[in-house]
Amino acid sequence: ILHRDVAVKHFLLGMAKAPIFAFLIAVIGCSEGFKVGGSAQSVGTRTTSAVVQSIFVVILLDAVAALFYMEMGW
């Protein structure tokens, strides 16, 4: 059913974005992790910050990629 409903090029373009998003999420998580202080509250604050930043970056880059793919006719 997947091969019938989704074109191979769309599947491959989506799969190409996944490692980029994963890398950015890891970088954001690590950078926020290095800022953690010595308390559980600091861990919670930095975790929340990392999640919010990651969601924002993924949505933003996915929108930019969609515009790029549209302009390229992919």
C-alpha atoms as a PDB file:
ATOM      1  CA  ILE A   1       0.000   0.000   0.000  1.00  0.00           C
ATOM      2  CA  LEU A   2       2.851   2.410   0.774  1.00  0.00           C
ATOM      3  CA  HIS A   3       4.415   2.067  -2.680  1.00  0.00           C
ATOM      4  CA  ARG A   4       1.040   2.702  -4.274  1.00  0.00           C
ATOM      5  CA  ASP A   5       0.191   5.840  -2.304  1.00  0.00           C
ATOM      6  CA  VAL A   6       3.618   7.485  -1.926  1.00  0.00           C
ATOM      7  CA  ALA A   7       5.971   8.183  -4.815  1.00  0.00           C
ATOM      8  CA  VAL A   8       9.481   6.820  -4.359  1.00  0.00           C
ATOM      9  CA  LYS A   9      11.042  10.270  -4.774  1.00  0.00           C
ATOM     10  CA  HIS A  10       8.853  11.688  -1.992  1.00  0.00           C
ATOM     11  CA  PHE A  11       9.784   8.806   0.279  1.00  0.00           C
ATOM     12  CA  LEU A  12      13.498   9.293  -0.426  1.00  0.00           C
ATOM     13  CA  LEU A  13      13.339  13.049   0.098  1.00  0.00           C
ATOM     14  CA  GLY A  14      11.643  12.486   3.438  1.00  0.00           C
ATOM     15  CA  MET A  15      14.214   9.902   4.436  1.00  0.00           C
ATOM     16  CA  ALA A  16      17.019  12.295   3.473  1.00  0.00           C
ATOM     17  CA  LYS A  17      15.704  14.899   5.913  1.00  0.00           C
ATOM     18  CA  ALA A  18      15.532  12.493   8.850  1.00  0.00           C
ATOM     19  CA  PRO A  19      19.279  12.287   9.610  1.00  0.00           C
ATOM     20  CA  ILE A  20      19.583  16.064   9.374  1.00  0.00           C
ATOM     21  CA  PHE A  21      16.769  16.537  11.864  1.00  0.00           C
ATOM     22  CA  ALA A  22      18.248  13.859  14.136  1.00  0.00           C
ATOM     23  CA  PHE A  23      21.640  15.577  14.084  1.00  0.00           C
ATOM     24  CA  LEU A  24      20.124  18.970  14.931  1.00  0.00           C
ATOM     25  CA  ILE A  25      18.053  17.516  17.765  1.00  0.00           C
ATOM     26  CA  ALA A  26      21.161  15.839  19.177  1.00  0.00           C
ATOM     27  CA  VAL A  27      23.185  19.065  18.952  1.00  0.00           C
ATOM     28  CA  ILE A  28      20.456  21.051  20.681  1.00  0.00           C
ATOM     29  CA  GLY A  29      20.060  18.399  23.377  1.00  0.00           C
ATOM     30  CA  CYS A  30      23.797  18.255  24.031  1.00  0.00           C
ATOM     31  CA  SER A  31      24.218  22.021  24.086  1.00  0.00           C
ATOM     32  CA  GLU A  32      21.381  22.374  26.583  1.00  0.00           C
ATOM     33  CA  GLY A  33      22.755  19.460  28.597  1.00  0.00           C
ATOM     34  CA  PHE A  34      26.097  21.198  29.013  1.00  0.00           C
ATOM     35  CA  LYS A  35      24.282  24.167  30.577  1.00  0.00           C
ATOM     36  CA  VAL A  36      22.702  22.089  33.374  1.00  0.00           C
ATOM     37  CA  GLY A  37      23.564  23.237  36.871  1.00  0.00           C
ATOM     38  CA  GLY A  38      23.662  21.179  40.035  1.00  0.00           C
ATOM     39  CA  SER A  39      19.948  20.745  40.701  1.00  0.00           C
ATOM     40  CA  ALA A  40      17.019  18.717  39.452  1.00  0.00           C
ATOM     41  CA  GLN A  41      15.193  21.943  38.643  1.00  0.00           C
ATOM     42  CA  SER A  42      18.019  22.911  36.289  1.00  0.00           C
ATOM     43  CA  VAL A  43      17.740  19.552  34.532  1.00  0.00           C
ATOM     44  CA  GLY A  44      14.000  20.047  34.063  1.00  0.00           C
ATOM     45  CA  THR A  45      14.409  23.592  32.797  1.00  0.00           C
ATOM     46  CA  ARG A  46      17.102  22.636  30.303  1.00  0.00           C
ATOM     47  CA  THR A  47      15.149  19.585  29.130  1.00  0.00           C
ATOM     48  CA  THR A  48      12.093  21.725  28.459  1.00  0.00           C
ATOM     49  CA  SER A  49      14.241  24.256  26.638  1.00  0.00           C
ATOM     50  CA  ALA A  50      15.836  21.540  24.486  1.00  0.00           C
ATOM     51  CA  VAL A  51      12.455  20.085  23.536  1.00  0.00           C
ATOM     52  CA  VAL A  52      10.980  23.466  22.616  1.00  0.00           C
ATOM     53  CA  GLN A  53      14.043  24.456  20.586  1.00  0.00           C
ATOM     54  CA  SER A  54      14.108  21.090  18.804  1.00  0.00           C
ATOM     55  CA  ILE A  55      10.447  21.260  17.845  1.00  0.00           C
ATOM     56  CA  PHE A  56      10.883  24.812  16.578  1.00  0.00           C
ATOM     57  CA  VAL A  57      13.974  23.965  14.504  1.00  0.00           C
ATOM     58  CA  VAL A  58      12.391  20.844  12.987  1.00  0.00           C
ATOM     59  CA  ILE A  59       9.214  22.685  12.000  1.00  0.00           C
ATOM     60  CA  LEU A  60      11.181  25.622  10.596  1.00  0.00           C
ATOM     61  CA  LEU A  61      13.598  23.494   8.565  1.00  0.00           C
ATOM     62  CA  ASP A  62      10.820  21.225   7.344  1.00  0.00           C
ATOM     63  CA  ALA A  63       8.967  24.289   6.041  1.00  0.00           C
ATOM     64  CA  VAL A  64      12.126  25.589   4.357  1.00  0.00           C
ATOM     65  CA  ALA A  65      12.747  22.161   2.813  1.00  0.00           C
ATOM     66  CA  ALA A  66       9.161  22.005   1.565  1.00  0.00           C
ATOM     67  CA  LEU A  67       9.544  25.386  -0.117  1.00  0.00           C
ATOM     68  CA  PHE A  68      12.875  24.331  -1.619  1.00  0.00           C
ATOM     69  CA  TYR A  69      11.455  21.042  -2.903  1.00  0.00           C
ATOM     70  CA  MET A  70       8.455  22.873  -4.353  1.00  0.00           C
ATOM     71  CA  GLU A  71      10.648  25.394  -6.184  1.00  0.00           C
ATOM     72  CA  MET A  72      12.871  22.614  -7.539  1.00  0.00           C
ATOM     73  CA  GLY A  73       9.819  20.687  -8.732  1.00  0.00           C
ATOM     74  CA  TRP A  74      10.649  17.667  -6.615  1.00  0.00           C
END
